[in-house]
């Protein structure tokens, strides 16, 4: 007696795949990308490490206060001189602006011209587009001013005729040498004008001195900036050497150069920021110390002058530059020494 065979069954349409086919289908499926939650956790871990390294670097600086203060003081001294020269140039620019306002042309009229004709010549001079203001000085007024300036009131009373001509003091709209020379040529061509005097030599000398001062300040700023890099770099180099074993251990377990470099970069930035704050303090004290003598000297010449201060903008620039120089010096020192450190 034979056992009947079971009829072969065919899979129905729409039936689920067998369990054996599931692993193959899962292997062929694309892997999902990293979710935003994973990226967020990585960013939070990165931010926590930055915060921890910033606090740890401050603690290491406070652990050796004398050495840290001396390093910051060296940085401050290197920053004070360029900043002081920059303030000096700022005061020179203010003085240059005042001298530009006082730059004038003197138009001497012919001696045969009377007061009415001199007034008409002044109107013609004022009609020039390059002329800002005019002031007429008659011959009698010129003689009176000359007598008062020299103290010769009685000695010049015996003169029969007034030898001084009438003149017009002209304030130009532009103090550029080319513009003033061109204006002088046009004024000399006017009827009744004898001579036009333009004295710009002292203004040009002052401007050349200001340009020289700017270049000297720039050169000194670059040199002292390199000095800051050397000071911070040498300090960070010693710190790297003192922690060489620690660096080798963390690199042996897989730490990257960025991970190892981070605390030293924060140390360099703190050194630079501290040096910038000390430089601001030195500049403030020096400005107050020199303020009274400078004001007394200016008052003796009948002028009001005060030493300029850095202000909020200048202080921000100084602190930013000092912090950046400290960070850069630390980066150069650490990168150079990490290339020679190999985990054993």
C-alpha atoms as a PDB file:
ATOM      1  CA  UNK A   1       0.000   0.000   0.000  1.00  0.00           C
ATOM      2  CA  UNK A   2       1.561   3.233  -1.066  1.00  0.00           C
ATOM      3  CA  UNK A   3       1.297   6.515   0.802  1.00  0.00           C
ATOM      4  CA  UNK A   4      -0.204   9.234  -1.337  1.00  0.00           C
ATOM      5  CA  UNK A   5       2.079  12.208  -2.040  1.00  0.00           C
ATOM      6  CA  UNK A   6       1.091  15.696  -0.955  1.00  0.00           C
ATOM      7  CA  UNK A   7       0.257  17.884  -3.849  1.00  0.00           C
ATOM      8  CA  UNK A   8       2.808  20.596  -4.619  1.00  0.00           C
ATOM      9  CA  UNK A   9       1.621  24.010  -3.548  1.00  0.00           C
ATOM     10  CA  UNK A  10       2.384  27.171  -5.432  1.00  0.00           C
ATOM     11  CA  UNK A  11       2.720  30.501  -3.636  1.00  0.00           C
ATOM     12  CA  UNK A  12      -0.257  32.681  -3.897  1.00  0.00           C
ATOM     13  CA  UNK A  13      -0.118  36.156  -5.309  1.00  0.00           C
ATOM     14  CA  UNK A  14       0.462  38.793  -2.681  1.00  0.00           C
ATOM     15  CA  UNK A  15       1.806  36.270  -0.149  1.00  0.00           C
ATOM     16  CA  UNK A  16       4.561  37.385   2.212  1.00  0.00           C
ATOM     17  CA  UNK A  17       8.144  36.271   1.424  1.00  0.00           C
ATOM     18  CA  UNK A  18       9.579  33.458   3.472  1.00  0.00           C
ATOM     19  CA  UNK A  19      11.892  34.108   6.400  1.00  0.00           C
ATOM     20  CA  UNK A  20      14.901  32.845   4.472  1.00  0.00           C
ATOM     21  CA  UNK A  21      14.563  35.636   1.912  1.00  0.00           C
ATOM     22  CA  UNK A  22      14.410  38.376   4.567  1.00  0.00           C
ATOM     23  CA  UNK A  23      18.179  38.516   5.403  1.00  0.00           C
ATOM     24  CA  UNK A  24      19.126  38.795   1.734  1.00  0.00           C
ATOM     25  CA  UNK A  25      16.645  41.604   1.212  1.00  0.00           C
ATOM     26  CA  UNK A  26      17.943  43.396   4.298  1.00  0.00           C
ATOM     27  CA  UNK A  27      21.529  43.107   3.028  1.00  0.00           C
ATOM     28  CA  UNK A  28      20.565  44.641  -0.294  1.00  0.00           C
ATOM     29  CA  UNK A  29      18.758  47.574   1.350  1.00  0.00           C
ATOM     30  CA  UNK A  30      20.773  50.870   1.594  1.00  0.00           C
ATOM     31  CA  UNK A  31      22.114  51.823   4.997  1.00  0.00           C
ATOM     32  CA  UNK A  32      20.336  54.789   6.599  1.00  0.00           C
ATOM     33  CA  UNK A  33      22.245  58.078   6.901  1.00  0.00           C
ATOM     34  CA  UNK A  34      23.224  59.605  10.211  1.00  0.00           C
ATOM     35  CA  UNK A  35      20.258  61.238  11.833  1.00  0.00           C
ATOM     36  CA  UNK A  36      20.168  64.820  13.039  1.00  0.00           C
ATOM     37  CA  UNK A  37      20.130  63.522  16.618  1.00  0.00           C
ATOM     38  CA  UNK A  38      23.544  61.908  16.115  1.00  0.00           C
ATOM     39  CA  UNK A  39      24.961  65.105  14.625  1.00  0.00           C
ATOM     40  CA  UNK A  40      23.510  67.086  17.519  1.00  0.00           C
ATOM     41  CA  UNK A  41      25.102  64.783  20.088  1.00  0.00           C
ATOM     42  CA  UNK A  42      28.455  65.080  18.320  1.00  0.00           C
ATOM     43  CA  UNK A  43      28.225  68.853  18.307  1.00  0.00           C
ATOM     44  CA  UNK A  44      27.336  68.940  22.000  1.00  0.00           C
ATOM     45  CA  UNK A  45      30.285  66.692  22.792  1.00  0.00           C
ATOM     46  CA  UNK A  46      32.570  68.959  20.728  1.00  0.00           C
ATOM     47  CA  UNK A  47      31.280  72.059  22.541  1.00  0.00           C
ATOM     48  CA  UNK A  48      31.685  70.399  25.956  1.00  0.00           C
ATOM     49  CA  UNK A  49      35.294  69.525  25.137  1.00  0.00           C
ATOM     50  CA  UNK A  50      36.035  73.092  24.039  1.00  0.00           C
ATOM     51  CA  UNK A  51      34.523  74.428  27.261  1.00  0.00           C
ATOM     52  CA  UNK A  52      36.465  71.925  29.373  1.00  0.00           C
ATOM     53  CA  UNK A  53      39.754  72.749  27.631  1.00  0.00           C
ATOM     54  CA  UNK A  54      39.190  76.510  28.007  1.00  0.00           C
ATOM     55  CA  UNK A  55      38.572  76.127  31.753  1.00  0.00           C
ATOM     56  CA  UNK A  56      41.464  73.687  32.167  1.00  0.00           C
ATOM     57  CA  UNK A  57      43.878  76.050  30.396  1.00  0.00           C
ATOM     58  CA  UNK A  58      42.854  78.889  32.735  1.00  0.00           C
ATOM     59  CA  UNK A  59      43.472  76.646  35.735  1.00  0.00           C
ATOM     60  CA  UNK A  60      46.918  75.731  34.451  1.00  0.00           C
ATOM     61  CA  UNK A  61      47.778  79.428  34.050  1.00  0.00           C
ATOM     62  CA  UNK A  62      46.575  80.193  37.572  1.00  0.00           C
ATOM     63  CA  UNK A  63      48.617  77.297  38.896  1.00  0.00           C
ATOM     64  CA  UNK A  64      51.787  79.253  38.017  1.00  0.00           C
ATOM     65  CA  UNK A  65      50.708  82.912  38.439  1.00  0.00           C
ATOM     66  CA  UNK A  66      54.173  84.500  38.446  1.00  0.00           C
ATOM     67  CA  UNK A  67      55.318  82.827  35.244  1.00  0.00           C
ATOM     68  CA  UNK A  68      52.001  83.517  33.509  1.00  0.00           C
ATOM     69  CA  UNK A  69      52.061  87.174  34.587  1.00  0.00           C
ATOM     70  CA  UNK A  70      55.624  87.646  33.321  1.00  0.00           C
ATOM     71  CA  UNK A  71      54.706  86.158  29.941  1.00  0.00           C
ATOM     72  CA  UNK A  72      51.662  88.440  29.683  1.00  0.00           C
ATOM     73  CA  UNK A  73      53.779  91.433  30.711  1.00  0.00           C
ATOM     74  CA  UNK A  74      56.293  90.672  27.953  1.00  0.00           C
ATOM     75  CA  UNK A  75      53.428  90.556  25.460  1.00  0.00           C
ATOM     76  CA  UNK A  76      52.032  93.839  26.833  1.00  0.00           C
ATOM     77  CA  UNK A  77      55.380  95.633  26.471  1.00  0.00           C
ATOM     78  CA  UNK A  78      55.635  94.408  22.885  1.00  0.00           C
ATOM     79  CA  UNK A  79      52.167  95.843  22.163  1.00  0.00           C
ATOM     80  CA  UNK A  80      52.468  99.169  23.976  1.00  0.00           C
ATOM     81  CA  UNK A  81      54.976 100.835  21.635  1.00  0.00           C
ATOM     82  CA  UNK A  82      53.051 100.298  18.345  1.00  0.00           C
ATOM     83  CA  UNK A  83      49.809 101.329  20.051  1.00  0.00           C
ATOM     84  CA  UNK A  84      51.439 104.481  21.468  1.00  0.00           C
ATOM     85  CA  UNK A  85      52.830 105.395  18.039  1.00  0.00           C
ATOM     86  CA  UNK A  86      49.394 104.842  16.536  1.00  0.00           C
ATOM     87  CA  UNK A  87      47.896 107.257  19.083  1.00  0.00           C
ATOM     88  CA  UNK A  88      50.624 109.771  18.275  1.00  0.00           C
ATOM     89  CA  UNK A  89      49.770 109.545  14.582  1.00  0.00           C
ATOM     90  CA  UNK A  90      46.097 110.027  15.446  1.00  0.00           C
ATOM     91  CA  UNK A  91      46.949 113.281  17.213  1.00  0.00           C
ATOM     92  CA  UNK A  92      49.120 114.274  14.238  1.00  0.00           C
ATOM     93  CA  UNK A  93      46.179 113.668  11.904  1.00  0.00           C
ATOM     94  CA  UNK A  94      44.017 115.921  14.069  1.00  0.00           C
ATOM     95  CA  UNK A  95      46.708 118.601  13.921  1.00  0.00           C
ATOM     96  CA  UNK A  96      46.964 118.125  10.164  1.00  0.00           C
ATOM     97  CA  UNK A  97      43.216 118.681   9.822  1.00  0.00           C
ATOM     98  CA  UNK A  98      43.502 121.925  11.812  1.00  0.00           C
ATOM     99  CA  UNK A  99      46.399 123.065   9.607  1.00  0.00           C
ATOM    100  CA  UNK A 100      44.377 122.284   6.495  1.00  0.00           C
ATOM    101  CA  UNK A 101      41.662 124.577   7.806  1.00  0.00           C
ATOM    102  CA  UNK A 102      44.242 127.326   8.334  1.00  0.00           C
ATOM    103  CA  UNK A 103      45.800 126.958   4.858  1.00  0.00           C
ATOM    104  CA  UNK A 104      45.111 130.189   2.956  1.00  0.00           C
ATOM    105  CA  UNK A 105      46.205 132.257  -0.023  1.00  0.00           C
ATOM    106  CA  UNK A 106      47.038 135.938   0.258  1.00  0.00           C
ATOM    107  CA  UNK A 107      46.068 138.104  -2.727  1.00  0.00           C
ATOM    108  CA  UNK A 108      47.969 141.405  -2.755  1.00  0.00           C
ATOM    109  CA  UNK A 109      46.247 144.179  -4.704  1.00  0.00           C
ATOM    110  CA  UNK A 110      47.887 146.967  -6.651  1.00  0.00           C
ATOM    111  CA  UNK A 111      48.830 150.040  -4.626  1.00  0.00           C
ATOM    112  CA  UNK A 112      46.763 152.453  -6.782  1.00  0.00           C
ATOM    113  CA  UNK A 113      43.476 150.671  -5.959  1.00  0.00           C
ATOM    114  CA  UNK A 114      41.206 152.403  -3.470  1.00  0.00           C
ATOM    115  CA  UNK A 115      38.791 150.789  -0.990  1.00  0.00           C
ATOM    116  CA  UNK A 116      35.824 150.665  -3.382  1.00  0.00           C
ATOM    117  CA  UNK A 117      37.839 149.006  -6.123  1.00  0.00           C
ATOM    118  CA  UNK A 118      39.289 146.566  -3.592  1.00  0.00           C
ATOM    119  CA  UNK A 119      35.728 145.580  -2.647  1.00  0.00           C
ATOM    120  CA  UNK A 120      34.916 144.829  -6.287  1.00  0.00           C
ATOM    121  CA  UNK A 121      38.071 142.731  -6.624  1.00  0.00           C
ATOM    122  CA  UNK A 122      37.047 140.806  -3.514  1.00  0.00           C
ATOM    123  CA  UNK A 123      33.674 140.053  -5.095  1.00  0.00           C
ATOM    124  CA  UNK A 124      35.423 138.764  -8.207  1.00  0.00           C
ATOM    125  CA  UNK A 125      37.690 136.562  -6.090  1.00  0.00           C
ATOM    126  CA  UNK A 126      34.728 135.207  -4.082  1.00  0.00           C
ATOM    127  CA  UNK A 127      32.979 134.290  -7.348  1.00  0.00           C
ATOM    128  CA  UNK A 128      35.633 131.646  -8.066  1.00  0.00           C
ATOM    129  CA  UNK A 129      34.202 128.115  -7.545  1.00  0.00           C
ATOM    130  CA  UNK A 130      37.366 126.939  -5.766  1.00  0.00           C
ATOM    131  CA  UNK A 131      37.184 129.748  -3.180  1.00  0.00           C
ATOM    132  CA  UNK A 132      35.533 128.975   0.161  1.00  0.00           C
ATOM    133  CA  UNK A 133      35.726 132.312   2.026  1.00  0.00           C
ATOM    134  CA  UNK A 134      37.405 135.679   1.572  1.00  0.00           C
ATOM    135  CA  UNK A 135      38.439 138.456   3.942  1.00  0.00           C
ATOM    136  CA  UNK A 136      39.453 141.940   2.770  1.00  0.00           C
ATOM    137  CA  UNK A 137      42.239 143.757   4.618  1.00  0.00           C
ATOM    138  CA  UNK A 138      42.495 147.400   3.592  1.00  0.00           C
ATOM    139  CA  UNK A 139      45.789 149.272   3.508  1.00  0.00           C
ATOM    140  CA  UNK A 140      44.926 151.252   6.653  1.00  0.00           C
ATOM    141  CA  UNK A 141      43.890 148.098   8.520  1.00  0.00           C
ATOM    142  CA  UNK A 142      47.062 146.338   7.374  1.00  0.00           C
ATOM    143  CA  UNK A 143      49.216 149.223   8.698  1.00  0.00           C
ATOM    144  CA  UNK A 144      47.389 149.190  12.041  1.00  0.00           C
ATOM    145  CA  UNK A 145      47.870 145.444  12.417  1.00  0.00           C
ATOM    146  CA  UNK A 146      51.547 145.792  11.470  1.00  0.00           C
ATOM    147  CA  UNK A 147      52.105 148.520  14.053  1.00  0.00           C
ATOM    148  CA  UNK A 148      50.352 146.533  16.772  1.00  0.00           C
ATOM    149  CA  UNK A 149      52.288 143.359  15.996  1.00  0.00           C
ATOM    150  CA  UNK A 150      55.693 145.076  16.090  1.00  0.00           C
ATOM    151  CA  UNK A 151      54.906 147.629  18.785  1.00  0.00           C
ATOM    152  CA  UNK A 152      55.921 150.537  16.527  1.00  0.00           C
ATOM    153  CA  UNK A 153      52.848 152.749  16.845  1.00  0.00           C
ATOM    154  CA  UNK A 154      54.819 155.968  17.353  1.00  0.00           C
ATOM    155  CA  UNK A 155      57.708 155.167  14.988  1.00  0.00           C
ATOM    156  CA  UNK A 156      55.515 154.718  11.907  1.00  0.00           C
ATOM    157  CA  UNK A 157      53.320 157.760  12.445  1.00  0.00           C
ATOM    158  CA  UNK A 158      55.824 159.946  10.627  1.00  0.00           C
ATOM    159  CA  UNK A 159      55.376 158.150   7.294  1.00  0.00           C
ATOM    160  CA  UNK A 160      53.713 160.347   4.666  1.00  0.00           C
ATOM    161  CA  UNK A 161      52.296 157.461   2.589  1.00  0.00           C
ATOM    162  CA  UNK A 162      51.145 153.986   3.579  1.00  0.00           C
ATOM    163  CA  UNK A 163      53.504 151.547   1.800  1.00  0.00           C
ATOM    164  CA  UNK A 164      51.306 148.496   2.469  1.00  0.00           C
ATOM    165  CA  UNK A 165      48.794 147.477  -0.209  1.00  0.00           C
ATOM    166  CA  UNK A 166      45.331 146.140   0.396  1.00  0.00           C
ATOM    167  CA  UNK A 167      45.087 142.364   0.491  1.00  0.00           C
ATOM    168  CA  UNK A 168      42.520 139.582   0.431  1.00  0.00           C
ATOM    169  CA  UNK A 169      42.913 136.454   2.553  1.00  0.00           C
ATOM    170  CA  UNK A 170      41.395 133.542   0.630  1.00  0.00           C
ATOM    171  CA  UNK A 171      40.429 130.193   2.162  1.00  0.00           C
ATOM    172  CA  UNK A 172      40.344 127.601  -0.652  1.00  0.00           C
ATOM    173  CA  UNK A 173      37.791 124.808  -0.870  1.00  0.00           C
ATOM    174  CA  UNK A 174      40.572 122.254  -1.476  1.00  0.00           C
ATOM    175  CA  UNK A 175      44.015 122.319   0.150  1.00  0.00           C
ATOM    176  CA  UNK A 176      45.580 119.984  -2.402  1.00  0.00           C
ATOM    177  CA  UNK A 177      48.782 121.563  -3.769  1.00  0.00           C
ATOM    178  CA  UNK A 178      47.693 121.208  -7.399  1.00  0.00           C
ATOM    179  CA  UNK A 179      44.301 122.805  -6.742  1.00  0.00           C
ATOM    180  CA  UNK A 180      45.824 125.704  -4.819  1.00  0.00           C
ATOM    181  CA  UNK A 181      48.427 126.356  -7.513  1.00  0.00           C
ATOM    182  CA  UNK A 182      45.733 126.383 -10.185  1.00  0.00           C
ATOM    183  CA  UNK A 183      43.611 128.772  -8.092  1.00  0.00           C
ATOM    184  CA  UNK A 184      46.624 131.029  -7.595  1.00  0.00           C
ATOM    185  CA  UNK A 185      47.140 131.273 -11.352  1.00  0.00           C
ATOM    186  CA  UNK A 186      43.506 132.223 -11.967  1.00  0.00           C
ATOM    187  CA  UNK A 187      43.514 134.858  -9.221  1.00  0.00           C
ATOM    188  CA  UNK A 188      46.701 136.469 -10.536  1.00  0.00           C
ATOM    189  CA  UNK A 189      44.966 136.958 -13.895  1.00  0.00           C
ATOM    190  CA  UNK A 190      42.237 139.124 -12.323  1.00  0.00           C
ATOM    191  CA  UNK A 191      42.337 142.881 -12.909  1.00  0.00           C
ATOM    192  CA  UNK A 192      43.804 144.812  -9.975  1.00  0.00           C
ATOM    193  CA  UNK A 193      45.737 141.852  -8.516  1.00  0.00           C
ATOM    194  CA  UNK A 194      49.454 142.389  -8.122  1.00  0.00           C
ATOM    195  CA  UNK A 195      50.622 139.089  -6.565  1.00  0.00           C
ATOM    196  CA  UNK A 196      49.288 135.907  -4.972  1.00  0.00           C
ATOM    197  CA  UNK A 197      51.306 134.223  -2.226  1.00  0.00           C
ATOM    198  CA  UNK A 198      50.913 130.503  -1.562  1.00  0.00           C
ATOM    199  CA  UNK A 199      53.026 128.889   1.152  1.00  0.00           C
ATOM    200  CA  UNK A 200      52.404 125.144   1.283  1.00  0.00           C
ATOM    201  CA  UNK A 201      55.923 123.988   2.072  1.00  0.00           C
ATOM    202  CA  UNK A 202      55.241 123.535   5.790  1.00  0.00           C
ATOM    203  CA  UNK A 203      52.009 121.629   5.075  1.00  0.00           C
ATOM    204  CA  UNK A 204      53.823 119.285   2.704  1.00  0.00           C
ATOM    205  CA  UNK A 205      56.598 118.698   5.231  1.00  0.00           C
ATOM    206  CA  UNK A 206      54.047 117.806   7.884  1.00  0.00           C
ATOM    207  CA  UNK A 207      52.309 115.375   5.566  1.00  0.00           C
ATOM    208  CA  UNK A 208      55.596 113.724   4.620  1.00  0.00           C
ATOM    209  CA  UNK A 209      56.409 113.326   8.312  1.00  0.00           C
ATOM    210  CA  UNK A 210      52.966 111.802   8.919  1.00  0.00           C
ATOM    211  CA  UNK A 211      53.488 109.320   6.072  1.00  0.00           C
ATOM    212  CA  UNK A 212      56.917 108.425   7.455  1.00  0.00           C
ATOM    213  CA  UNK A 213      55.390 107.921  10.894  1.00  0.00           C
ATOM    214  CA  UNK A 214      52.742 105.598   9.474  1.00  0.00           C
ATOM    215  CA  UNK A 215      55.354 103.422   7.812  1.00  0.00           C
ATOM    216  CA  UNK A 216      57.509 103.349  10.931  1.00  0.00           C
ATOM    217  CA  UNK A 217      54.483 102.370  13.007  1.00  0.00           C
ATOM    218  CA  UNK A 218      53.581  99.607  10.574  1.00  0.00           C
ATOM    219  CA  UNK A 219      57.137  98.249  10.568  1.00  0.00           C
ATOM    220  CA  UNK A 220      57.358  98.318  14.355  1.00  0.00           C
ATOM    221  CA  UNK A 221      53.933  96.695  14.635  1.00  0.00           C
ATOM    222  CA  UNK A 222      55.061  93.814  12.427  1.00  0.00           C
ATOM    223  CA  UNK A 223      58.342  93.396  14.329  1.00  0.00           C
ATOM    224  CA  UNK A 224      56.717  93.452  17.752  1.00  0.00           C
ATOM    225  CA  UNK A 225      53.978  91.150  16.482  1.00  0.00           C
ATOM    226  CA  UNK A 226      56.675  88.644  15.586  1.00  0.00           C
ATOM    227  CA  UNK A 227      58.065  89.171  19.077  1.00  0.00           C
ATOM    228  CA  UNK A 228      54.684  88.229  20.553  1.00  0.00           C
ATOM    229  CA  UNK A 229      54.636  85.086  18.406  1.00  0.00           C
ATOM    230  CA  UNK A 230      58.095  84.112  19.665  1.00  0.00           C
ATOM    231  CA  UNK A 231      57.203  84.736  23.308  1.00  0.00           C
ATOM    232  CA  UNK A 232      53.992  82.717  23.164  1.00  0.00           C
ATOM    233  CA  UNK A 233      55.553  80.042  20.972  1.00  0.00           C
ATOM    234  CA  UNK A 234      58.436  79.504  23.375  1.00  0.00           C
ATOM    235  CA  UNK A 235      56.083  79.309  26.356  1.00  0.00           C
ATOM    236  CA  UNK A 236      53.792  76.807  24.639  1.00  0.00           C
ATOM    237  CA  UNK A 237      56.804  74.777  23.476  1.00  0.00           C
ATOM    238  CA  UNK A 238      57.882  74.330  27.083  1.00  0.00           C
ATOM    239  CA  UNK A 239      54.333  73.329  28.020  1.00  0.00           C
ATOM    240  CA  UNK A 240      54.260  70.723  25.242  1.00  0.00           C
ATOM    241  CA  UNK A 241      57.589  69.272  26.363  1.00  0.00           C
ATOM    242  CA  UNK A 242      56.401  69.051  29.961  1.00  0.00           C
ATOM    243  CA  UNK A 243      53.309  67.090  28.865  1.00  0.00           C
ATOM    244  CA  UNK A 244      55.027  64.944  26.254  1.00  0.00           C
ATOM    245  CA  UNK A 245      54.253  61.621  27.980  1.00  0.00           C
ATOM    246  CA  UNK A 246      50.609  62.550  28.340  1.00  0.00           C
ATOM    247  CA  UNK A 247      50.414  63.470  24.667  1.00  0.00           C
ATOM    248  CA  UNK A 248      52.000  60.179  23.626  1.00  0.00           C
ATOM    249  CA  UNK A 249      49.439  58.215  25.686  1.00  0.00           C
ATOM    250  CA  UNK A 250      46.386  60.005  24.277  1.00  0.00           C
ATOM    251  CA  UNK A 251      47.742  59.706  20.733  1.00  0.00           C
ATOM    252  CA  UNK A 252      48.343  55.998  21.317  1.00  0.00           C
ATOM    253  CA  UNK A 253      44.653  55.453  22.076  1.00  0.00           C
ATOM    254  CA  UNK A 254      43.592  57.295  18.933  1.00  0.00           C
ATOM    255  CA  UNK A 255      43.479  61.032  19.752  1.00  0.00           C
ATOM    256  CA  UNK A 256      43.793  63.320  16.748  1.00  0.00           C
ATOM    257  CA  UNK A 257      46.176  66.246  16.445  1.00  0.00           C
ATOM    258  CA  UNK A 258      43.246  68.660  16.738  1.00  0.00           C
ATOM    259  CA  UNK A 259      42.237  67.055  20.040  1.00  0.00           C
ATOM    260  CA  UNK A 260      45.775  67.322  21.419  1.00  0.00           C
ATOM    261  CA  UNK A 261      46.312  70.836  20.055  1.00  0.00           C
ATOM    262  CA  UNK A 262      43.127  72.335  21.514  1.00  0.00           C
ATOM    263  CA  UNK A 263      44.184  73.017  25.152  1.00  0.00           C
ATOM    264  CA  UNK A 264      47.453  74.632  24.047  1.00  0.00           C
ATOM    265  CA  UNK A 265      45.605  76.900  21.629  1.00  0.00           C
ATOM    266  CA  UNK A 266      43.389  78.087  24.444  1.00  0.00           C
ATOM    267  CA  UNK A 267      46.459  78.724  26.588  1.00  0.00           C
ATOM    268  CA  UNK A 268      48.000  80.856  23.832  1.00  0.00           C
ATOM    269  CA  UNK A 269      44.753  82.806  23.412  1.00  0.00           C
ATOM    270  CA  UNK A 270      44.591  83.468  27.167  1.00  0.00           C
ATOM    271  CA  UNK A 271      48.202  84.649  27.142  1.00  0.00           C
ATOM    272  CA  UNK A 272      47.429  87.043  24.292  1.00  0.00           C
ATOM    273  CA  UNK A 273      44.247  88.353  25.907  1.00  0.00           C
ATOM    274  CA  UNK A 274      46.019  88.932  29.219  1.00  0.00           C
ATOM    275  CA  UNK A 275      48.853  90.737  27.469  1.00  0.00           C
ATOM    276  CA  UNK A 276      46.355  92.954  25.631  1.00  0.00           C
ATOM    277  CA  UNK A 277      44.601  93.878  28.882  1.00  0.00           C
ATOM    278  CA  UNK A 278      47.924  94.754  30.503  1.00  0.00           C
ATOM    279  CA  UNK A 279      48.836  96.856  27.440  1.00  0.00           C
ATOM    280  CA  UNK A 280      45.547  98.769  27.767  1.00  0.00           C
ATOM    281  CA  UNK A 281      46.296  99.409  31.422  1.00  0.00           C
ATOM    282  CA  UNK A 282      49.809 100.678  30.642  1.00  0.00           C
ATOM    283  CA  UNK A 283      48.528 102.968  27.897  1.00  0.00           C
ATOM    284  CA  UNK A 284      45.833 104.395  30.175  1.00  0.00           C
ATOM    285  CA  UNK A 285      48.285 105.067  32.984  1.00  0.00           C
ATOM    286  CA  UNK A 286      50.820 106.587  30.604  1.00  0.00           C
ATOM    287  CA  UNK A 287      48.180 108.829  29.023  1.00  0.00           C
ATOM    288  CA  UNK A 288      47.052 110.137  32.409  1.00  0.00           C
ATOM    289  CA  UNK A 289      50.648 110.686  33.471  1.00  0.00           C
ATOM    290  CA  UNK A 290      51.409 112.767  30.354  1.00  0.00           C
ATOM    291  CA  UNK A 291      48.056 114.551  30.103  1.00  0.00           C
ATOM    292  CA  UNK A 292      48.812 117.493  32.420  1.00  0.00           C
ATOM    293  CA  UNK A 293      52.253 118.411  30.944  1.00  0.00           C
ATOM    294  CA  UNK A 294      50.879 118.215  27.401  1.00  0.00           C
ATOM    295  CA  UNK A 295      47.893 120.398  28.232  1.00  0.00           C
ATOM    296  CA  UNK A 296      50.144 122.913  29.993  1.00  0.00           C
ATOM    297  CA  UNK A 297      52.464 123.061  26.957  1.00  0.00           C
ATOM    298  CA  UNK A 298      49.527 123.545  24.583  1.00  0.00           C
ATOM    299  CA  UNK A 299      48.064 126.268  26.806  1.00  0.00           C
ATOM    300  CA  UNK A 300      51.380 128.145  26.750  1.00  0.00           C
ATOM    301  CA  UNK A 301      50.988 128.432  22.960  1.00  0.00           C
ATOM    302  CA  UNK A 302      47.353 129.474  23.281  1.00  0.00           C
ATOM    303  CA  UNK A 303      45.954 126.189  21.968  1.00  0.00           C
ATOM    304  CA  UNK A 304      43.828 123.468  23.451  1.00  0.00           C
ATOM    305  CA  UNK A 305      45.161 119.964  22.940  1.00  0.00           C
ATOM    306  CA  UNK A 306      44.617 116.674  24.737  1.00  0.00           C
ATOM    307  CA  UNK A 307      46.138 113.256  24.165  1.00  0.00           C
ATOM    308  CA  UNK A 308      43.828 110.938  22.215  1.00  0.00           C
ATOM    309  CA  UNK A 309      42.638 107.685  23.772  1.00  0.00           C
ATOM    310  CA  UNK A 310      42.044 104.305  22.171  1.00  0.00           C
ATOM    311  CA  UNK A 311      38.333 104.273  22.876  1.00  0.00           C
ATOM    312  CA  UNK A 312      36.078 101.271  22.487  1.00  0.00           C
ATOM    313  CA  UNK A 313      37.025 100.622  18.856  1.00  0.00           C
ATOM    314  CA  UNK A 314      40.770 100.874  19.406  1.00  0.00           C
ATOM    315  CA  UNK A 315      40.619  98.742  22.551  1.00  0.00           C
ATOM    316  CA  UNK A 316      38.663  96.066  20.699  1.00  0.00           C
ATOM    317  CA  UNK A 317      41.212  96.039  17.876  1.00  0.00           C
ATOM    318  CA  UNK A 318      44.122  95.803  20.321  1.00  0.00           C
ATOM    319  CA  UNK A 319      42.563  92.933  22.292  1.00  0.00           C
ATOM    320  CA  UNK A 320      41.588  91.087  19.117  1.00  0.00           C
ATOM    321  CA  UNK A 321      45.095  91.401  17.664  1.00  0.00           C
ATOM    322  CA  UNK A 322      46.763  90.291  20.906  1.00  0.00           C
ATOM    323  CA  UNK A 323      44.460  87.285  21.281  1.00  0.00           C
ATOM    324  CA  UNK A 324      44.948  86.306  17.641  1.00  0.00           C
ATOM    325  CA  UNK A 325      48.742  86.618  17.937  1.00  0.00           C
ATOM    326  CA  UNK A 326      48.729  84.443  21.057  1.00  0.00           C
ATOM    327  CA  UNK A 327      46.567  81.813  19.362  1.00  0.00           C
ATOM    328  CA  UNK A 328      48.727  81.851  16.233  1.00  0.00           C
ATOM    329  CA  UNK A 329      51.954  81.535  18.205  1.00  0.00           C
ATOM    330  CA  UNK A 330      50.540  78.555  20.104  1.00  0.00           C
ATOM    331  CA  UNK A 331      49.329  76.916  16.881  1.00  0.00           C
ATOM    332  CA  UNK A 332      52.750  77.214  15.233  1.00  0.00           C
ATOM    333  CA  UNK A 333      54.574  75.847  18.298  1.00  0.00           C
ATOM    334  CA  UNK A 334      52.191  72.918  18.877  1.00  0.00           C
ATOM    335  CA  UNK A 335      51.976  71.920  15.207  1.00  0.00           C
ATOM    336  CA  UNK A 336      55.752  71.935  14.907  1.00  0.00           C
ATOM    337  CA  UNK A 337      56.244  69.733  17.977  1.00  0.00           C
ATOM    338  CA  UNK A 338      53.360  67.360  17.304  1.00  0.00           C
ATOM    339  CA  UNK A 339      55.047  66.386  14.042  1.00  0.00           C
ATOM    340  CA  UNK A 340      58.032  65.121  16.048  1.00  0.00           C
ATOM    341  CA  UNK A 341      56.003  63.251  18.689  1.00  0.00           C
ATOM    342  CA  UNK A 342      55.260  59.636  17.789  1.00  0.00           C
ATOM    343  CA  UNK A 343      53.407  57.314  20.164  1.00  0.00           C
ATOM    344  CA  UNK A 344      55.456  54.304  21.245  1.00  0.00           C
END
